[in-house]
């Protein structure tokens, strides 16, 4: 594929070739995936939410050894040992941090004081403005089509992106329901300056998620995922035996405490990392219904970019 020159605020901010970002998904986004995406011209991200502090340090160092290109670390702000994660990020000289699931005011100023570019994941224009006010360099506007933890507003990507673009002056990265170049082009037309993809990269060779999980993702159909656990933190899951137990408990009026007990510990690890497709928590987005193969991460980046640039040059042919 011939390279196409492209430059905007996101490529300049993150020092990347293509405005394609791999999401920092738990149990999927280790150093192998992050380095492969970065080596292909996008931005790879290590997902720290499923890592103990010492494991995060190892992944950062291995990623540095595997790529000379920029990469980032995703930090869920509700992580119990977040202070240790932040300290490791500072000690290891990480230059880009994506924060999520919490108040960006808590850590943004400290990260910025250390020369780190900060991007926060949001689900509404209200939180986008708060992120801008907190000093974030950009936001990821994630529609409720996305997998994993999600916004309570249940705003779709097609509605969320223009709303957020109108609300802030900092660059907006679109996420939720994006897995190919045509969807990327649609997001950019709506005002986004880049895209973040999670589900597409779960079904990559380098993702650390279990092959059982990858296979069920690429064989899923429309309607196989649903937003649930809204009493706790809304999360989009693949429908399986565990999902059915949650749904039954909610229909029977389960309290938040009862749902916590049902969820238990390490449920996501059991499903996505260990491959228990019946009793594990399988976090994935609606766009999984459009995926039909497990590909090298570099090929995913190149395919998405080629389709995007072809559409940019010949929009009528994409109809």
Protein backbone atom coordinates (compact mmCIF):
# COMPACT_ATOMS: atom_id res chain seq x y z
CA UNK A 1 0.00 0.00 0.00
CA UNK A 2 1.37 3.39 -0.94
CA UNK A 3 1.73 5.77 1.97
CA UNK A 4 -0.55 8.79 1.94
CA UNK A 5 0.62 12.00 3.54
CA UNK A 6 -1.75 13.04 6.33
CA UNK A 7 -1.38 15.51 9.14
CA UNK A 8 -3.79 16.93 11.69
CA UNK A 9 -3.83 17.87 15.36
CA UNK A 10 -3.91 14.25 16.53
CA UNK A 11 -1.00 13.03 14.39
CA UNK A 12 1.02 16.07 15.51
CA UNK A 13 0.05 15.71 19.18
CA UNK A 14 0.91 12.02 19.36
CA UNK A 15 3.73 12.08 16.78
CA UNK A 16 2.18 9.25 14.77
CA UNK A 17 1.79 8.61 11.06
CA UNK A 18 -1.89 7.64 11.04
CA UNK A 19 -4.60 8.89 13.45
CA UNK A 20 -5.47 5.31 14.40
CA UNK A 21 -5.28 4.42 18.09
CA UNK A 22 -5.52 0.97 19.61
CA UNK A 23 -7.57 0.99 22.81
CA UNK A 24 -5.97 -0.03 26.10
CA UNK A 25 -8.23 -3.01 26.72
CA UNK A 26 -7.85 -5.17 29.82
CA UNK A 27 -6.44 -8.67 29.20
CA UNK A 28 -5.81 -7.86 25.52
CA UNK A 29 -3.49 -4.86 25.24
CA UNK A 30 -0.02 -5.95 26.27
CA UNK A 31 3.34 -4.86 24.90
CA UNK A 32 3.16 -7.16 21.86
CA UNK A 33 -0.05 -5.58 20.58
CA UNK A 34 0.96 -2.02 21.48
CA UNK A 35 4.35 -2.27 19.78
CA UNK A 36 2.88 -3.89 16.65
CA UNK A 37 0.35 -1.07 16.24
CA UNK A 38 2.97 1.60 16.86
CA UNK A 39 5.39 -0.02 14.41
CA UNK A 40 2.62 0.10 11.77
CA UNK A 41 2.19 3.86 12.16
CA UNK A 42 -0.69 4.04 14.63
CA UNK A 43 -0.58 4.53 18.39
CA UNK A 44 -0.35 1.36 20.44
CA UNK A 45 -1.54 1.49 24.05
CA UNK A 46 -0.73 -0.80 26.97
CA UNK A 47 -3.86 -1.52 29.02
CA UNK A 48 -2.75 -1.22 32.65
CA UNK A 49 -6.17 -1.98 34.15
CA UNK A 50 -5.49 -5.73 34.32
CA UNK A 51 -1.85 -5.43 35.44
CA UNK A 52 -0.18 -5.39 38.83
CA UNK A 53 2.33 -2.53 39.09
CA UNK A 54 5.40 -4.73 38.52
CA UNK A 55 3.76 -6.30 35.45
CA UNK A 56 3.03 -2.85 34.03
CA UNK A 57 6.70 -1.92 34.40
CA UNK A 58 7.71 -5.06 32.51
CA UNK A 59 5.29 -4.31 29.66
CA UNK A 60 6.52 -0.73 29.34
CA UNK A 61 10.14 -1.85 29.13
CA UNK A 62 9.39 -4.62 26.64
CA UNK A 63 7.37 -2.21 24.50
CA UNK A 64 10.30 0.23 24.44
CA UNK A 65 12.55 -2.59 23.25
CA UNK A 66 10.09 -3.62 20.52
CA UNK A 67 9.39 -0.20 18.97
CA UNK A 68 11.08 3.13 18.42
CA UNK A 69 7.70 4.74 17.74
CA UNK A 70 5.45 6.46 20.29
CA UNK A 71 3.16 4.32 22.45
CA UNK A 72 0.97 5.06 25.42
CA UNK A 73 -0.46 3.56 28.60
CA UNK A 74 -4.16 3.50 29.46
CA UNK A 75 -4.87 4.09 33.15
CA UNK A 76 -8.37 3.49 34.56
CA UNK A 77 -8.61 6.11 37.29
CA UNK A 78 -10.61 3.78 39.54
CA UNK A 79 -7.74 1.27 39.66
CA UNK A 80 -6.97 0.55 43.36
CA UNK A 81 -3.18 0.96 43.01
CA UNK A 82 -3.30 3.90 40.62
CA UNK A 83 -0.70 5.86 42.59
CA UNK A 84 1.77 3.03 41.99
CA UNK A 85 0.88 2.92 38.29
CA UNK A 86 1.39 6.67 37.96
CA UNK A 87 4.75 6.43 39.72
CA UNK A 88 5.91 3.69 37.36
CA UNK A 89 4.76 5.70 34.35
CA UNK A 90 6.82 8.66 35.58
CA UNK A 91 9.86 6.53 36.40
CA UNK A 92 9.80 4.76 33.04
CA UNK A 93 9.44 7.95 31.03
CA UNK A 94 6.11 7.14 29.35
CA UNK A 95 5.22 10.11 27.16
CA UNK A 96 1.51 9.48 26.44
CA UNK A 97 -1.21 8.49 28.92
CA UNK A 98 -4.87 7.80 28.18
CA UNK A 99 -7.00 8.01 31.33
CA UNK A 100 -10.51 6.62 31.76
CA UNK A 101 -13.21 5.72 34.30
CA UNK A 102 -12.83 8.63 36.67
CA UNK A 103 -12.26 12.33 37.24
CA UNK A 104 -9.43 13.66 35.03
CA UNK A 105 -8.66 16.43 37.53
CA UNK A 106 -7.15 13.89 39.90
CA UNK A 107 -3.96 13.13 37.95
CA UNK A 108 -3.85 15.29 34.80
CA UNK A 109 -1.90 18.17 36.34
CA UNK A 110 0.74 15.82 37.78
CA UNK A 111 1.15 14.05 34.45
CA UNK A 112 1.32 17.35 32.55
CA UNK A 113 3.93 18.73 34.96
CA UNK A 114 6.10 15.79 33.93
CA UNK A 115 5.74 16.53 30.22
CA UNK A 116 3.21 13.77 29.51
CA UNK A 117 0.49 14.13 26.87
CA UNK A 118 -2.87 13.30 28.48
CA UNK A 119 -6.01 12.09 26.71
CA UNK A 120 -9.18 11.27 28.65
CA UNK A 121 -11.98 8.91 27.60
CA UNK A 122 -15.47 10.38 27.99
CA UNK A 123 -19.08 9.50 27.12
CA UNK A 124 -20.71 12.94 27.06
CA UNK A 125 -20.02 16.51 26.03
CA UNK A 126 -20.31 17.54 29.69
CA UNK A 127 -17.38 15.32 30.68
CA UNK A 128 -15.49 16.37 27.56
CA UNK A 129 -15.64 19.98 28.76
CA UNK A 130 -14.50 18.94 32.24
CA UNK A 131 -11.56 17.12 30.66
CA UNK A 132 -10.62 20.21 28.68
CA UNK A 133 -10.87 22.34 31.82
CA UNK A 134 -8.65 19.84 33.65
CA UNK A 135 -5.91 20.39 31.08
CA UNK A 136 -6.26 17.28 28.92
CA UNK A 137 -4.70 17.57 25.47
CA UNK A 138 -7.51 15.64 23.73
CA UNK A 139 -10.51 13.44 24.49
CA UNK A 140 -11.73 10.08 23.27
CA UNK A 141 -15.50 10.34 22.74
CA UNK A 142 -16.75 6.78 23.15
CA UNK A 143 -20.27 5.89 22.05
CA UNK A 144 -22.26 3.22 23.84
CA UNK A 145 -21.69 0.74 21.01
CA UNK A 146 -18.26 0.20 22.54
CA UNK A 147 -17.31 -2.87 24.52
CA UNK A 148 -16.36 -2.88 28.18
CA UNK A 149 -17.25 -0.13 30.63
CA UNK A 150 -19.53 2.45 29.15
CA UNK A 151 -21.32 5.73 29.81
CA UNK A 152 -24.65 5.83 31.60
CA UNK A 153 -25.98 8.23 28.97
CA UNK A 154 -26.08 5.47 26.31
CA UNK A 155 -25.32 8.02 23.60
CA UNK A 156 -24.41 6.51 20.25
CA UNK A 157 -21.19 7.44 18.48
CA UNK A 158 -23.01 9.18 15.61
CA UNK A 159 -24.67 11.54 18.09
CA UNK A 160 -21.80 11.84 20.57
CA UNK A 161 -19.01 12.87 18.18
CA UNK A 162 -20.60 16.07 16.79
CA UNK A 163 -21.88 16.99 20.26
CA UNK A 164 -18.39 16.72 21.75
CA UNK A 165 -16.74 18.47 18.80
CA UNK A 166 -19.11 21.39 19.34
CA UNK A 167 -18.43 21.45 23.08
CA UNK A 168 -14.61 21.60 23.19
CA UNK A 169 -11.70 23.15 21.35
CA UNK A 170 -9.23 20.30 21.94
CA UNK A 171 -9.02 17.44 19.39
CA UNK A 172 -11.60 14.67 19.55
CA UNK A 173 -10.89 10.99 18.92
CA UNK A 174 -13.92 8.86 18.03
CA UNK A 175 -14.50 5.43 19.57
CA UNK A 176 -17.32 2.90 19.71
CA UNK A 177 -18.45 0.87 16.70
CA UNK A 178 -15.38 1.58 14.56
CA UNK A 179 -13.45 -1.26 12.91
CA UNK A 180 -12.77 -0.27 9.30
CA UNK A 181 -11.82 2.66 7.11
CA UNK A 182 -15.37 3.53 6.09
CA UNK A 183 -16.41 3.90 9.71
CA UNK A 184 -13.27 5.93 10.34
CA UNK A 185 -14.17 8.23 7.45
CA UNK A 186 -17.68 8.70 8.84
CA UNK A 187 -16.26 9.65 12.24
CA UNK A 188 -13.85 12.14 10.68
CA UNK A 189 -16.66 13.71 8.65
CA UNK A 190 -18.48 14.25 11.95
CA UNK A 191 -15.50 16.23 13.24
CA UNK A 192 -13.25 13.64 14.90
CA UNK A 193 -9.53 13.91 14.16
CA UNK A 194 -8.72 10.29 14.88
CA UNK A 195 -10.27 6.98 15.87
CA UNK A 196 -9.70 4.55 18.70
CA UNK A 197 -10.50 0.90 18.04
CA UNK A 198 -10.81 -1.84 20.65
CA UNK A 199 -12.83 -4.80 19.38
CA UNK A 200 -11.00 -4.87 16.03
CA UNK A 201 -7.67 -5.24 17.85
CA UNK A 202 -9.00 -7.88 20.25
CA UNK A 203 -9.25 -10.08 17.15
CA UNK A 204 -5.57 -9.61 16.29
CA UNK A 205 -2.74 -12.10 16.46
CA UNK A 206 -0.79 -10.02 18.98
CA UNK A 207 -3.65 -9.42 21.43
CA UNK A 208 -3.05 -11.26 24.70
CA UNK A 209 -6.71 -12.29 24.94
CA UNK A 210 -7.41 -16.05 24.77
CA UNK A 211 -7.91 -17.67 21.37
CA UNK A 212 -11.33 -18.94 22.53
CA UNK A 213 -12.39 -15.34 23.12
CA UNK A 214 -10.97 -14.17 19.78
CA UNK A 215 -12.85 -16.93 17.96
CA UNK A 216 -16.20 -16.17 19.58
CA UNK A 217 -15.68 -12.48 18.74
CA UNK A 218 -15.18 -13.09 15.02
CA UNK A 219 -18.12 -15.50 14.93
CA UNK A 220 -20.55 -13.20 16.74
CA UNK A 221 -23.69 -11.78 15.17
CA UNK A 222 -25.78 -8.65 15.62
CA UNK A 223 -27.45 -8.64 19.01
CA UNK A 224 -24.86 -10.89 20.66
CA UNK A 225 -23.73 -8.09 22.99
CA UNK A 226 -25.71 -5.99 25.44
CA UNK A 227 -25.13 -3.27 28.02
CA UNK A 228 -25.67 -4.63 31.53
CA UNK A 229 -24.73 -4.19 35.23
CA UNK A 230 -26.09 -0.64 35.14
CA UNK A 231 -26.51 -0.57 38.93
CA UNK A 232 -22.75 -0.92 39.26
CA UNK A 233 -20.88 0.40 36.22
CA UNK A 234 -22.51 -0.16 32.82
CA UNK A 235 -20.54 -2.68 30.78
CA UNK A 236 -21.17 -4.18 27.34
CA UNK A 237 -20.80 -7.96 27.40
CA UNK A 238 -21.12 -10.88 25.04
CA UNK A 239 -24.20 -12.89 25.94
CA UNK A 240 -23.21 -16.17 27.63
CA UNK A 241 -24.18 -18.18 30.73
CA UNK A 242 -22.70 -15.56 33.07
CA UNK A 243 -24.55 -12.76 31.25
CA UNK A 244 -27.81 -14.71 31.61
CA UNK A 245 -27.25 -15.04 35.37
CA UNK A 246 -26.72 -11.28 35.63
CA UNK A 247 -29.83 -10.59 33.56
CA UNK A 248 -31.93 -12.96 35.69
CA UNK A 249 -30.62 -11.40 38.90
CA UNK A 250 -31.45 -7.90 37.66
CA UNK A 251 -34.96 -8.96 36.61
CA UNK A 252 -35.46 -10.38 40.11
CA UNK A 253 -34.50 -7.06 41.68
CA UNK A 254 -30.97 -7.87 42.81
CA UNK A 255 -29.28 -5.18 44.87
CA UNK A 256 -25.92 -3.68 43.92
CA UNK A 257 -24.32 -5.76 46.70
CA UNK A 258 -25.86 -8.95 45.32
CA UNK A 259 -24.60 -8.11 41.84
CA UNK A 260 -21.11 -7.49 43.25
CA UNK A 261 -21.25 -10.94 44.83
CA UNK A 262 -22.38 -12.52 41.56
CA UNK A 263 -19.61 -10.73 39.66
CA UNK A 264 -17.00 -11.91 42.12
CA UNK A 265 -13.28 -11.46 41.49
CA UNK A 266 -11.31 -12.02 38.30
CA UNK A 267 -14.44 -12.66 36.23
CA UNK A 268 -13.03 -10.71 33.26
CA UNK A 269 -9.70 -12.55 33.49
CA UNK A 270 -11.56 -15.86 33.54
CA UNK A 271 -13.37 -15.04 30.31
CA UNK A 272 -11.08 -12.93 28.17
CA UNK A 273 -7.66 -14.15 29.30
CA UNK A 274 -8.31 -17.76 30.37
CA UNK A 275 -10.94 -18.50 27.71
CA UNK A 276 -13.92 -19.62 29.83
CA UNK A 277 -16.68 -18.68 27.40
CA UNK A 278 -19.51 -19.83 29.68
CA UNK A 279 -18.73 -18.32 33.09
CA UNK A 280 -16.30 -15.56 32.15
CA UNK A 281 -17.02 -11.87 31.61
CA UNK A 282 -16.62 -11.25 27.87
CA UNK A 283 -16.28 -7.52 27.19
CA UNK A 284 -16.62 -6.65 23.50
CA UNK A 285 -18.34 -4.05 21.32
CA UNK A 286 -21.25 -4.27 18.89
CA UNK A 287 -18.86 -3.99 15.95
CA UNK A 288 -17.67 -7.53 16.66
CA UNK A 289 -20.60 -8.62 14.45
CA UNK A 290 -18.70 -7.17 11.47
CA UNK A 291 -15.42 -8.96 12.16
CA UNK A 292 -14.62 -12.18 10.34
CA UNK A 293 -10.92 -12.85 10.88
CA UNK A 294 -7.99 -12.70 13.27
CA UNK A 295 -5.30 -10.57 11.62
CA UNK A 296 -1.83 -9.24 12.44
CA UNK A 297 -2.22 -5.85 14.11
CA UNK A 298 -0.05 -4.20 11.48
CA UNK A 299 -2.34 -5.45 8.74
CA UNK A 300 -5.34 -4.04 10.59
CA UNK A 301 -3.76 -0.59 10.73
CA UNK A 302 -2.76 -0.69 7.06
CA UNK A 303 -6.15 -2.03 5.90
CA UNK A 304 -8.08 0.62 7.82
CA UNK A 305 -5.85 3.39 6.54
CA UNK A 306 -6.03 2.21 2.94
CA UNK A 307 -9.82 2.01 3.05
CA UNK A 308 -10.01 5.44 4.70
CA UNK A 309 -7.74 7.14 2.16
CA UNK A 310 -9.52 5.47 -0.77
CA UNK A 311 -12.81 6.76 0.57
CA UNK A 312 -11.34 10.20 1.13
CA UNK A 313 -10.20 10.32 -2.50
CA UNK A 314 -13.30 8.68 -4.00
CA UNK A 315 -16.25 9.14 -1.61
CA UNK A 316 -18.86 8.30 -4.26
CA UNK A 317 -17.33 4.84 -4.80
CA UNK A 318 -17.95 3.99 -1.17
CA UNK A 319 -21.71 4.33 -1.55
